């Protein structure tokens, strides 16, 4: 595995492009361009017009706002970024003084991210712990050893991950998060629909992802029902392009929810209620 996964690189590249829109930017990540090296912009350029870059911008802002809202409204102070990649929210968002953040990802990626951020003079704005693990194995014990408290409500952020997993892996991961969630815990997550994974209109884009070693495997057309089946109750669900998730460069219209078949992406806040 490369020290920095291709996915982490092109996510950082999309955030850099959004930041560089100046007054039109929906958020600012001053570290993103440095974290996108060496190949982050390749996939975005190859798939210009696919909506990938504005989707990442929309998703980033949605989860930024979700973190801010959940910490303010629900009083949660323990946040875990699962497969944190090159995310820099601990370095760029405003955090309560008593908040604690855990970034979980592969050891080589976290070490490279630390090296680059230190080179940029970046300093975290919150108490931050790196949890270097192989996410394909049992990783909760390492999170516990880093100081995670299972008795406290947690906000789990699982961004840009589930569609790369098999259905069994995606469900297993969300069940794992539930198993470590105290009452009142929350989840910020994104999905794509099964319809998108079947659509002939996305076939070229999906083929490009597969050729680059990052095929999309998992989706759901019924996110509320899917999450409820594994103990998570949806509290907010949006699609890119809705009034609250608008973006100048988003190329698709939001279709009525009752219409079956359109390709969709889901942005979700959920609460753990157990099975």
C-alpha atoms as a PDB file:
ATOM      1  CA  UNK A   1       0.000   0.000   0.000  1.00  0.00           C
ATOM      2  CA  UNK A   2       1.221   3.504  -0.817  1.00  0.00           C
ATOM      3  CA  UNK A   3       1.834   5.616   2.266  1.00  0.00           C
ATOM      4  CA  UNK A   4      -1.035   7.837   1.171  1.00  0.00           C
ATOM      5  CA  UNK A   5      -3.921   6.036  -0.496  1.00  0.00           C
ATOM      6  CA  UNK A   6      -5.081   7.263  -3.869  1.00  0.00           C
ATOM      7  CA  UNK A   7      -8.504   7.979  -2.386  1.00  0.00           C
ATOM      8  CA  UNK A   8      -7.029  10.225   0.311  1.00  0.00           C
ATOM      9  CA  UNK A   9      -5.034  12.073  -2.338  1.00  0.00           C
ATOM     10  CA  UNK A  10      -7.928  12.892  -4.646  1.00  0.00           C
ATOM     11  CA  UNK A  11     -10.171  13.830  -1.738  1.00  0.00           C
ATOM     12  CA  UNK A  12      -7.529  16.343  -0.633  1.00  0.00           C
ATOM     13  CA  UNK A  13      -7.210  17.562  -4.227  1.00  0.00           C
ATOM     14  CA  UNK A  14     -10.944  18.264  -4.446  1.00  0.00           C
ATOM     15  CA  UNK A  15     -10.770  20.169  -1.169  1.00  0.00           C
ATOM     16  CA  UNK A  16      -7.851  22.195  -2.513  1.00  0.00           C
ATOM     17  CA  UNK A  17      -9.824  23.117  -5.640  1.00  0.00           C
ATOM     18  CA  UNK A  18     -12.790  24.199  -3.528  1.00  0.00           C
ATOM     19  CA  UNK A  19     -10.578  26.285  -1.231  1.00  0.00           C
ATOM     20  CA  UNK A  20      -9.040  28.001  -4.235  1.00  0.00           C
ATOM     21  CA  UNK A  21     -12.439  29.232  -5.473  1.00  0.00           C
ATOM     22  CA  UNK A  22     -11.878  32.250  -3.224  1.00  0.00           C
ATOM     23  CA  UNK A  23     -15.061  34.036  -2.192  1.00  0.00           C
ATOM     24  CA  UNK A  24     -17.166  31.253  -3.747  1.00  0.00           C
ATOM     25  CA  UNK A  25     -15.588  28.532  -1.591  1.00  0.00           C
ATOM     26  CA  UNK A  26     -17.958  26.755   0.794  1.00  0.00           C
ATOM     27  CA  UNK A  27     -15.106  25.978   3.215  1.00  0.00           C
ATOM     28  CA  UNK A  28     -11.367  26.551   3.469  1.00  0.00           C
ATOM     29  CA  UNK A  29      -8.699  23.892   3.855  1.00  0.00           C
ATOM     30  CA  UNK A  30      -5.328  25.641   3.540  1.00  0.00           C
ATOM     31  CA  UNK A  31      -3.435  22.355   3.858  1.00  0.00           C
ATOM     32  CA  UNK A  32      -5.265  20.366   1.200  1.00  0.00           C
ATOM     33  CA  UNK A  33      -3.050  21.048  -1.820  1.00  0.00           C
ATOM     34  CA  UNK A  34       0.087  19.884   0.005  1.00  0.00           C
ATOM     35  CA  UNK A  35      -1.731  16.752   1.166  1.00  0.00           C
ATOM     36  CA  UNK A  36      -2.947  15.839  -2.336  1.00  0.00           C
ATOM     37  CA  UNK A  37       0.513  14.901  -3.637  1.00  0.00           C
ATOM     38  CA  UNK A  38       1.638  13.048  -5.631  1.00  0.00           C
ATOM     39  CA  UNK A  39      -1.382  11.983  -7.737  1.00  0.00           C
ATOM     40  CA  UNK A  40      -4.407  13.617  -6.205  1.00  0.00           C
ATOM     41  CA  UNK A  41      -5.460  15.707  -9.182  1.00  0.00           C
ATOM     42  CA  UNK A  42      -5.171  12.923 -11.765  1.00  0.00           C
ATOM     43  CA  UNK A  43      -8.535  11.264 -11.123  1.00  0.00           C
ATOM     44  CA  UNK A  44     -10.337  14.600 -10.890  1.00  0.00           C
ATOM     45  CA  UNK A  45      -8.920  15.669 -14.242  1.00  0.00           C
ATOM     46  CA  UNK A  46      -9.742  12.325 -15.830  1.00  0.00           C
ATOM     47  CA  UNK A  47     -13.338  12.599 -14.623  1.00  0.00           C
ATOM     48  CA  UNK A  48     -13.951  16.281 -15.224  1.00  0.00           C
ATOM     49  CA  UNK A  49     -17.693  16.860 -15.440  1.00  0.00           C
ATOM     50  CA  UNK A  50     -18.600  13.747 -13.449  1.00  0.00           C
ATOM     51  CA  UNK A  51     -19.517  15.778 -10.381  1.00  0.00           C
ATOM     52  CA  UNK A  52     -16.817  14.145  -8.254  1.00  0.00           C
ATOM     53  CA  UNK A  53     -15.028  17.342  -7.188  1.00  0.00           C
ATOM     54  CA  UNK A  54     -18.193  19.298  -6.285  1.00  0.00           C
ATOM     55  CA  UNK A  55     -19.587  16.206  -4.551  1.00  0.00           C
ATOM     56  CA  UNK A  56     -16.544  16.076  -2.270  1.00  0.00           C
ATOM     57  CA  UNK A  57     -16.928  19.802  -1.599  1.00  0.00           C
ATOM     58  CA  UNK A  58     -20.619  19.373  -0.743  1.00  0.00           C
ATOM     59  CA  UNK A  59     -19.910  16.369   1.468  1.00  0.00           C
ATOM     60  CA  UNK A  60     -17.062  18.141   3.246  1.00  0.00           C
ATOM     61  CA  UNK A  61     -19.230  21.143   4.081  1.00  0.00           C
ATOM     62  CA  UNK A  62     -22.158  18.957   5.156  1.00  0.00           C
ATOM     63  CA  UNK A  63     -19.983  17.044   7.614  1.00  0.00           C
ATOM     64  CA  UNK A  64     -18.248  20.236   8.794  1.00  0.00           C
ATOM     65  CA  UNK A  65     -21.665  21.620   9.673  1.00  0.00           C
ATOM     66  CA  UNK A  66     -22.748  18.306  11.196  1.00  0.00           C
ATOM     67  CA  UNK A  67     -19.759  18.279  13.534  1.00  0.00           C
ATOM     68  CA  UNK A  68     -20.340  21.871  14.573  1.00  0.00           C
ATOM     69  CA  UNK A  69     -24.075  21.313  15.114  1.00  0.00           C
ATOM     70  CA  UNK A  70     -23.785  18.032  17.016  1.00  0.00           C
ATOM     71  CA  UNK A  71     -21.093  19.363  19.345  1.00  0.00           C
ATOM     72  CA  UNK A  72     -23.116  22.525  19.992  1.00  0.00           C
ATOM     73  CA  UNK A  73     -26.594  21.002  20.290  1.00  0.00           C
ATOM     74  CA  UNK A  74     -25.912  17.553  21.752  1.00  0.00           C
ATOM     75  CA  UNK A  75     -22.873  18.319  23.879  1.00  0.00           C
ATOM     76  CA  UNK A  76     -20.805  15.453  22.470  1.00  0.00           C
ATOM     77  CA  UNK A  77     -17.100  15.922  23.110  1.00  0.00           C
ATOM     78  CA  UNK A  78     -15.609  12.662  21.792  1.00  0.00           C
ATOM     79  CA  UNK A  79     -15.162  12.465  18.010  1.00  0.00           C
ATOM     80  CA  UNK A  80     -13.672   9.592  15.994  1.00  0.00           C
ATOM     81  CA  UNK A  81     -12.685   9.930  12.351  1.00  0.00           C
ATOM     82  CA  UNK A  82     -12.721   6.422  10.881  1.00  0.00           C
ATOM     83  CA  UNK A  83     -10.323   6.093   7.932  1.00  0.00           C
ATOM     84  CA  UNK A  84      -9.343   9.719   8.498  1.00  0.00           C
ATOM     85  CA  UNK A  85      -7.148   9.918   5.415  1.00  0.00           C
ATOM     86  CA  UNK A  86      -5.842  13.417   4.698  1.00  0.00           C
ATOM     87  CA  UNK A  87      -8.721  15.116   6.518  1.00  0.00           C
ATOM     88  CA  UNK A  88      -7.628  18.232   8.413  1.00  0.00           C
ATOM     89  CA  UNK A  89     -10.700  19.122  10.467  1.00  0.00           C
ATOM     90  CA  UNK A  90      -8.751  18.941  13.774  1.00  0.00           C
ATOM     91  CA  UNK A  91      -6.476  21.644  12.314  1.00  0.00           C
ATOM     92  CA  UNK A  92      -9.013  23.934  10.632  1.00  0.00           C
ATOM     93  CA  UNK A  93     -12.348  23.813  12.513  1.00  0.00           C
ATOM     94  CA  UNK A  94     -13.187  25.608  15.756  1.00  0.00           C
ATOM     95  CA  UNK A  95     -13.501  23.113  18.625  1.00  0.00           C
ATOM     96  CA  UNK A  96     -14.743  23.284  22.229  1.00  0.00           C
ATOM     97  CA  UNK A  97     -11.890  23.368  24.720  1.00  0.00           C
ATOM     98  CA  UNK A  98     -12.934  20.039  26.237  1.00  0.00           C
ATOM     99  CA  UNK A  99     -13.303  18.100  22.965  1.00  0.00           C
ATOM    100  CA  UNK A 100     -11.101  15.137  22.049  1.00  0.00           C
ATOM    101  CA  UNK A 101     -10.552  13.795  18.545  1.00  0.00           C
ATOM    102  CA  UNK A 102      -9.268  10.373  17.487  1.00  0.00           C
ATOM    103  CA  UNK A 103      -8.016   9.847  13.941  1.00  0.00           C
ATOM    104  CA  UNK A 104      -8.039   6.180  12.936  1.00  0.00           C
ATOM    105  CA  UNK A 105      -6.170   4.967   9.861  1.00  0.00           C
ATOM    106  CA  UNK A 106      -3.248   2.916   8.612  1.00  0.00           C
ATOM    107  CA  UNK A 107       0.102   3.637  10.325  1.00  0.00           C
ATOM    108  CA  UNK A 108       1.971   4.677   7.167  1.00  0.00           C
ATOM    109  CA  UNK A 109      -0.733   7.134   6.154  1.00  0.00           C
ATOM    110  CA  UNK A 110      -0.930   8.779   9.574  1.00  0.00           C
ATOM    111  CA  UNK A 111       2.861   9.069   9.736  1.00  0.00           C
ATOM    112  CA  UNK A 112       3.051  10.695   6.295  1.00  0.00           C
ATOM    113  CA  UNK A 113       0.198  13.053   7.123  1.00  0.00           C
ATOM    114  CA  UNK A 114       1.939  14.054  10.356  1.00  0.00           C
ATOM    115  CA  UNK A 115       5.190  14.690   8.470  1.00  0.00           C
ATOM    116  CA  UNK A 116       3.515  16.900   5.889  1.00  0.00           C
ATOM    117  CA  UNK A 117       1.457  18.893   8.376  1.00  0.00           C
ATOM    118  CA  UNK A 118       4.458  19.489  10.606  1.00  0.00           C
ATOM    119  CA  UNK A 119       6.305  20.740   7.526  1.00  0.00           C
ATOM    120  CA  UNK A 120       3.498  23.223   6.955  1.00  0.00           C
ATOM    121  CA  UNK A 121       3.642  24.396  10.560  1.00  0.00           C
ATOM    122  CA  UNK A 122       0.101  23.164  11.194  1.00  0.00           C
ATOM    123  CA  UNK A 123      -1.004  22.694  14.789  1.00  0.00           C
ATOM    124  CA  UNK A 124      -4.188  20.927  15.914  1.00  0.00           C
ATOM    125  CA  UNK A 125      -6.886  23.134  17.418  1.00  0.00           C
ATOM    126  CA  UNK A 126      -8.205  20.298  19.597  1.00  0.00           C
ATOM    127  CA  UNK A 127      -6.787  17.475  21.707  1.00  0.00           C
ATOM    128  CA  UNK A 128      -5.955  14.926  19.029  1.00  0.00           C
ATOM    129  CA  UNK A 129      -4.852  11.287  19.152  1.00  0.00           C
ATOM    130  CA  UNK A 130      -3.635   9.213  16.233  1.00  0.00           C
ATOM    131  CA  UNK A 131      -4.780   5.591  16.282  1.00  0.00           C
ATOM    132  CA  UNK A 132      -2.557   3.694  13.860  1.00  0.00           C
ATOM    133  CA  UNK A 133      -4.242   0.406  12.960  1.00  0.00           C
ATOM    134  CA  UNK A 134      -5.017  -1.957  10.122  1.00  0.00           C
ATOM    135  CA  UNK A 135      -8.709  -1.244   9.632  1.00  0.00           C
ATOM    136  CA  UNK A 136      -9.162  -4.678   8.076  1.00  0.00           C
ATOM    137  CA  UNK A 137      -8.443  -6.225  11.479  1.00  0.00           C
ATOM    138  CA  UNK A 138      -9.903  -5.729  14.976  1.00  0.00           C
ATOM    139  CA  UNK A 139      -9.039  -2.106  15.783  1.00  0.00           C
ATOM    140  CA  UNK A 140     -11.294  -1.056  18.681  1.00  0.00           C
ATOM    141  CA  UNK A 141      -8.793  -2.222  21.344  1.00  0.00           C
ATOM    142  CA  UNK A 142      -6.217   0.214  19.947  1.00  0.00           C
ATOM    143  CA  UNK A 143      -8.796   2.983  20.087  1.00  0.00           C
ATOM    144  CA  UNK A 144      -9.468   2.103  23.736  1.00  0.00           C
ATOM    145  CA  UNK A 145      -5.747   2.197  24.518  1.00  0.00           C
ATOM    146  CA  UNK A 146      -5.535   5.686  23.012  1.00  0.00           C
ATOM    147  CA  UNK A 147      -7.970   6.915  25.682  1.00  0.00           C
ATOM    148  CA  UNK A 148     -11.346   6.411  24.011  1.00  0.00           C
ATOM    149  CA  UNK A 149     -14.154   6.104  26.584  1.00  0.00           C
ATOM    150  CA  UNK A 150     -16.982   3.780  25.552  1.00  0.00           C
ATOM    151  CA  UNK A 151     -19.175   5.169  28.330  1.00  0.00           C
ATOM    152  CA  UNK A 152     -19.270   8.611  26.715  1.00  0.00           C
ATOM    153  CA  UNK A 153     -21.402   9.490  23.681  1.00  0.00           C
ATOM    154  CA  UNK A 154     -19.340   9.582  20.513  1.00  0.00           C
ATOM    155  CA  UNK A 155     -19.619  11.252  17.151  1.00  0.00           C
ATOM    156  CA  UNK A 156     -18.301   8.881  14.488  1.00  0.00           C
ATOM    157  CA  UNK A 157     -17.331  10.395  11.130  1.00  0.00           C
ATOM    158  CA  UNK A 158     -17.128   7.820   8.352  1.00  0.00           C
ATOM    159  CA  UNK A 159     -16.575   9.849   5.201  1.00  0.00           C
ATOM    160  CA  UNK A 160     -15.931   8.592   1.691  1.00  0.00           C
ATOM    161  CA  UNK A 161     -15.420   5.017   2.833  1.00  0.00           C
ATOM    162  CA  UNK A 162     -18.453   2.777   2.650  1.00  0.00           C
ATOM    163  CA  UNK A 163     -18.793   2.615  -1.134  1.00  0.00           C
ATOM    164  CA  UNK A 164     -15.304   1.087  -1.359  1.00  0.00           C
ATOM    165  CA  UNK A 165     -16.357  -1.802   0.916  1.00  0.00           C
ATOM    166  CA  UNK A 166     -18.341  -4.911   0.165  1.00  0.00           C
ATOM    167  CA  UNK A 167     -21.878  -4.930   1.617  1.00  0.00           C
ATOM    168  CA  UNK A 168     -20.708  -7.322   4.331  1.00  0.00           C
ATOM    169  CA  UNK A 169     -17.750  -5.091   5.226  1.00  0.00           C
ATOM    170  CA  UNK A 170     -19.845  -1.922   5.284  1.00  0.00           C
ATOM    171  CA  UNK A 171     -22.460  -3.485   7.544  1.00  0.00           C
ATOM    172  CA  UNK A 172     -19.770  -4.974   9.758  1.00  0.00           C
ATOM    173  CA  UNK A 173     -18.081  -1.609  10.186  1.00  0.00           C
ATOM    174  CA  UNK A 174     -21.308   0.162  11.162  1.00  0.00           C
ATOM    175  CA  UNK A 175     -22.119  -2.636  13.613  1.00  0.00           C
ATOM    176  CA  UNK A 176     -18.628  -2.239  15.083  1.00  0.00           C
ATOM    177  CA  UNK A 177     -19.243   1.466  15.628  1.00  0.00           C
ATOM    178  CA  UNK A 178     -22.557   0.662  17.278  1.00  0.00           C
ATOM    179  CA  UNK A 179     -20.909  -1.842  19.604  1.00  0.00           C
ATOM    180  CA  UNK A 180     -18.699   0.948  21.006  1.00  0.00           C
ATOM    181  CA  UNK A 181     -21.439   3.607  21.133  1.00  0.00           C
ATOM    182  CA  UNK A 182     -22.870   4.887  24.393  1.00  0.00           C
ATOM    183  CA  UNK A 183     -26.493   6.131  24.344  1.00  0.00           C
ATOM    184  CA  UNK A 184     -26.746   9.394  22.434  1.00  0.00           C
ATOM    185  CA  UNK A 185     -23.888   8.607  20.055  1.00  0.00           C
ATOM    186  CA  UNK A 186     -24.092  10.039  16.565  1.00  0.00           C
ATOM    187  CA  UNK A 187     -22.845   9.153  13.087  1.00  0.00           C
ATOM    188  CA  UNK A 188     -21.937  11.308  10.099  1.00  0.00           C
ATOM    189  CA  UNK A 189     -21.719   9.215   6.939  1.00  0.00           C
ATOM    190  CA  UNK A 190     -22.242   9.212   3.191  1.00  0.00           C
ATOM    191  CA  UNK A 191     -23.508   6.556   0.790  1.00  0.00           C
ATOM    192  CA  UNK A 192     -24.269   6.150  -2.862  1.00  0.00           C
ATOM    193  CA  UNK A 193     -27.354   4.367  -4.148  1.00  0.00           C
ATOM    194  CA  UNK A 194     -27.470   0.911  -5.648  1.00  0.00           C
ATOM    195  CA  UNK A 195     -29.048   2.596  -8.660  1.00  0.00           C
ATOM    196  CA  UNK A 196     -25.849   4.592  -9.180  1.00  0.00           C
ATOM    197  CA  UNK A 197     -23.793   1.392  -9.115  1.00  0.00           C
ATOM    198  CA  UNK A 198     -26.041  -0.084 -11.820  1.00  0.00           C
ATOM    199  CA  UNK A 199     -26.577   3.002 -13.954  1.00  0.00           C
ATOM    200  CA  UNK A 200     -25.221   3.046 -17.523  1.00  0.00           C
ATOM    201  CA  UNK A 201     -24.723   6.801 -17.111  1.00  0.00           C
ATOM    202  CA  UNK A 202     -22.093   6.257 -14.398  1.00  0.00           C
ATOM    203  CA  UNK A 203     -20.475   3.269 -16.108  1.00  0.00           C
ATOM    204  CA  UNK A 204     -17.505   5.169 -17.536  1.00  0.00           C
ATOM    205  CA  UNK A 205     -16.825   6.887 -14.214  1.00  0.00           C
ATOM    206  CA  UNK A 206     -17.039   3.588 -12.328  1.00  0.00           C
ATOM    207  CA  UNK A 207     -14.760   1.913 -14.844  1.00  0.00           C
ATOM    208  CA  UNK A 208     -12.211   4.683 -14.294  1.00  0.00           C
ATOM    209  CA  UNK A 209     -12.357   4.113 -10.543  1.00  0.00           C
ATOM    210  CA  UNK A 210     -11.920   0.369 -10.989  1.00  0.00           C
ATOM    211  CA  UNK A 211      -8.947   0.856 -13.313  1.00  0.00           C
ATOM    212  CA  UNK A 212      -7.309   3.003 -10.643  1.00  0.00           C
ATOM    213  CA  UNK A 213      -7.859   0.300  -8.024  1.00  0.00           C
ATOM    214  CA  UNK A 214     -10.721   2.022  -6.188  1.00  0.00           C
ATOM    215  CA  UNK A 215     -13.935   0.341  -7.377  1.00  0.00           C
ATOM    216  CA  UNK A 216     -17.225   1.323  -5.788  1.00  0.00           C
ATOM    217  CA  UNK A 217     -18.892  -1.786  -4.369  1.00  0.00           C
ATOM    218  CA  UNK A 218     -21.595  -0.848  -1.875  1.00  0.00           C
ATOM    219  CA  UNK A 219     -24.715   1.254  -2.126  1.00  0.00           C
ATOM    220  CA  UNK A 220     -28.246   1.406  -0.795  1.00  0.00           C
ATOM    221  CA  UNK A 221     -31.436   2.808  -2.294  1.00  0.00           C
ATOM    222  CA  UNK A 222     -33.099   2.938   1.153  1.00  0.00           C
ATOM    223  CA  UNK A 223     -30.619   4.484   3.594  1.00  0.00           C
ATOM    224  CA  UNK A 224     -33.148   4.960   6.407  1.00  0.00           C
ATOM    225  CA  UNK A 225     -34.215   1.306   6.354  1.00  0.00           C
ATOM    226  CA  UNK A 226     -30.662   0.053   5.948  1.00  0.00           C
ATOM    227  CA  UNK A 227     -29.307   2.025   8.898  1.00  0.00           C
ATOM    228  CA  UNK A 228     -32.302   1.183  11.093  1.00  0.00           C
ATOM    229  CA  UNK A 229     -31.637  -2.519  10.497  1.00  0.00           C
ATOM    230  CA  UNK A 230     -28.263  -2.180  12.218  1.00  0.00           C
ATOM    231  CA  UNK A 231     -29.246   0.146  15.044  1.00  0.00           C
ATOM    232  CA  UNK A 232     -28.827   3.640  13.573  1.00  0.00           C
ATOM    233  CA  UNK A 233     -31.782   6.029  13.260  1.00  0.00           C
ATOM    234  CA  UNK A 234     -31.495   8.692  10.576  1.00  0.00           C
ATOM    235  CA  UNK A 235     -31.891  12.203  12.003  1.00  0.00           C
ATOM    236  CA  UNK A 236     -31.029  14.120   8.832  1.00  0.00           C
ATOM    237  CA  UNK A 237     -30.710  13.039   5.199  1.00  0.00           C
ATOM    238  CA  UNK A 238     -29.783  15.210   2.254  1.00  0.00           C
ATOM    239  CA  UNK A 239     -28.830  14.781  -1.372  1.00  0.00           C
ATOM    240  CA  UNK A 240     -26.308  17.020  -3.145  1.00  0.00           C
ATOM    241  CA  UNK A 241     -28.104  19.810  -4.949  1.00  0.00           C
ATOM    242  CA  UNK A 242     -30.839  20.398  -2.386  1.00  0.00           C
ATOM    243  CA  UNK A 243     -31.130  24.016  -1.196  1.00  0.00           C
ATOM    244  CA  UNK A 244     -29.008  23.340   1.907  1.00  0.00           C
ATOM    245  CA  UNK A 245     -26.396  21.398  -0.091  1.00  0.00           C
ATOM    246  CA  UNK A 246     -26.234  23.567  -3.187  1.00  0.00           C
ATOM    247  CA  UNK A 247     -22.995  24.129  -5.084  1.00  0.00           C
ATOM    248  CA  UNK A 248     -22.285  26.253  -8.146  1.00  0.00           C
ATOM    249  CA  UNK A 249     -20.652  23.377 -10.010  1.00  0.00           C
ATOM    250  CA  UNK A 250     -23.018  20.519  -9.098  1.00  0.00           C
ATOM    251  CA  UNK A 251     -24.237  19.316 -12.520  1.00  0.00           C
ATOM    252  CA  UNK A 252     -27.304  17.246 -11.575  1.00  0.00           C
ATOM    253  CA  UNK A 253     -30.861  17.993 -10.561  1.00  0.00           C
ATOM    254  CA  UNK A 254     -32.298  16.378  -7.437  1.00  0.00           C
ATOM    255  CA  UNK A 255     -35.031  13.955  -8.415  1.00  0.00           C
ATOM    256  CA  UNK A 256     -38.193  13.495  -6.306  1.00  0.00           C
ATOM    257  CA  UNK A 257     -37.588  10.880  -3.645  1.00  0.00           C
ATOM    258  CA  UNK A 258     -40.615   8.850  -4.708  1.00  0.00           C
ATOM    259  CA  UNK A 259     -39.145   8.397  -8.169  1.00  0.00           C
ATOM    260  CA  UNK A 260     -37.349   5.055  -8.297  1.00  0.00           C
ATOM    261  CA  UNK A 261     -34.225   4.504 -10.348  1.00  0.00           C
ATOM    262  CA  UNK A 262     -32.211   7.765 -10.413  1.00  0.00           C
ATOM    263  CA  UNK A 263     -28.614   7.670  -9.261  1.00  0.00           C
ATOM    264  CA  UNK A 264     -28.301   9.286  -5.847  1.00  0.00           C
ATOM    265  CA  UNK A 265     -25.780  10.161  -3.164  1.00  0.00           C
ATOM    266  CA  UNK A 266     -26.828  10.335   0.477  1.00  0.00           C
ATOM    267  CA  UNK A 267     -25.464  12.615   3.209  1.00  0.00           C
ATOM    268  CA  UNK A 268     -26.600  11.412   6.614  1.00  0.00           C
ATOM    269  CA  UNK A 269     -26.621  12.218  10.310  1.00  0.00           C
ATOM    270  CA  UNK A 270     -27.836   9.351  12.469  1.00  0.00           C
ATOM    271  CA  UNK A 271     -28.190   8.426  16.143  1.00  0.00           C
ATOM    272  CA  UNK A 272     -27.386   5.047  17.646  1.00  0.00           C
ATOM    273  CA  UNK A 273     -30.505   3.525  19.158  1.00  0.00           C
ATOM    274  CA  UNK A 274     -29.477  -0.142  19.197  1.00  0.00           C
ATOM    275  CA  UNK A 275     -31.205  -3.165  17.744  1.00  0.00           C
END
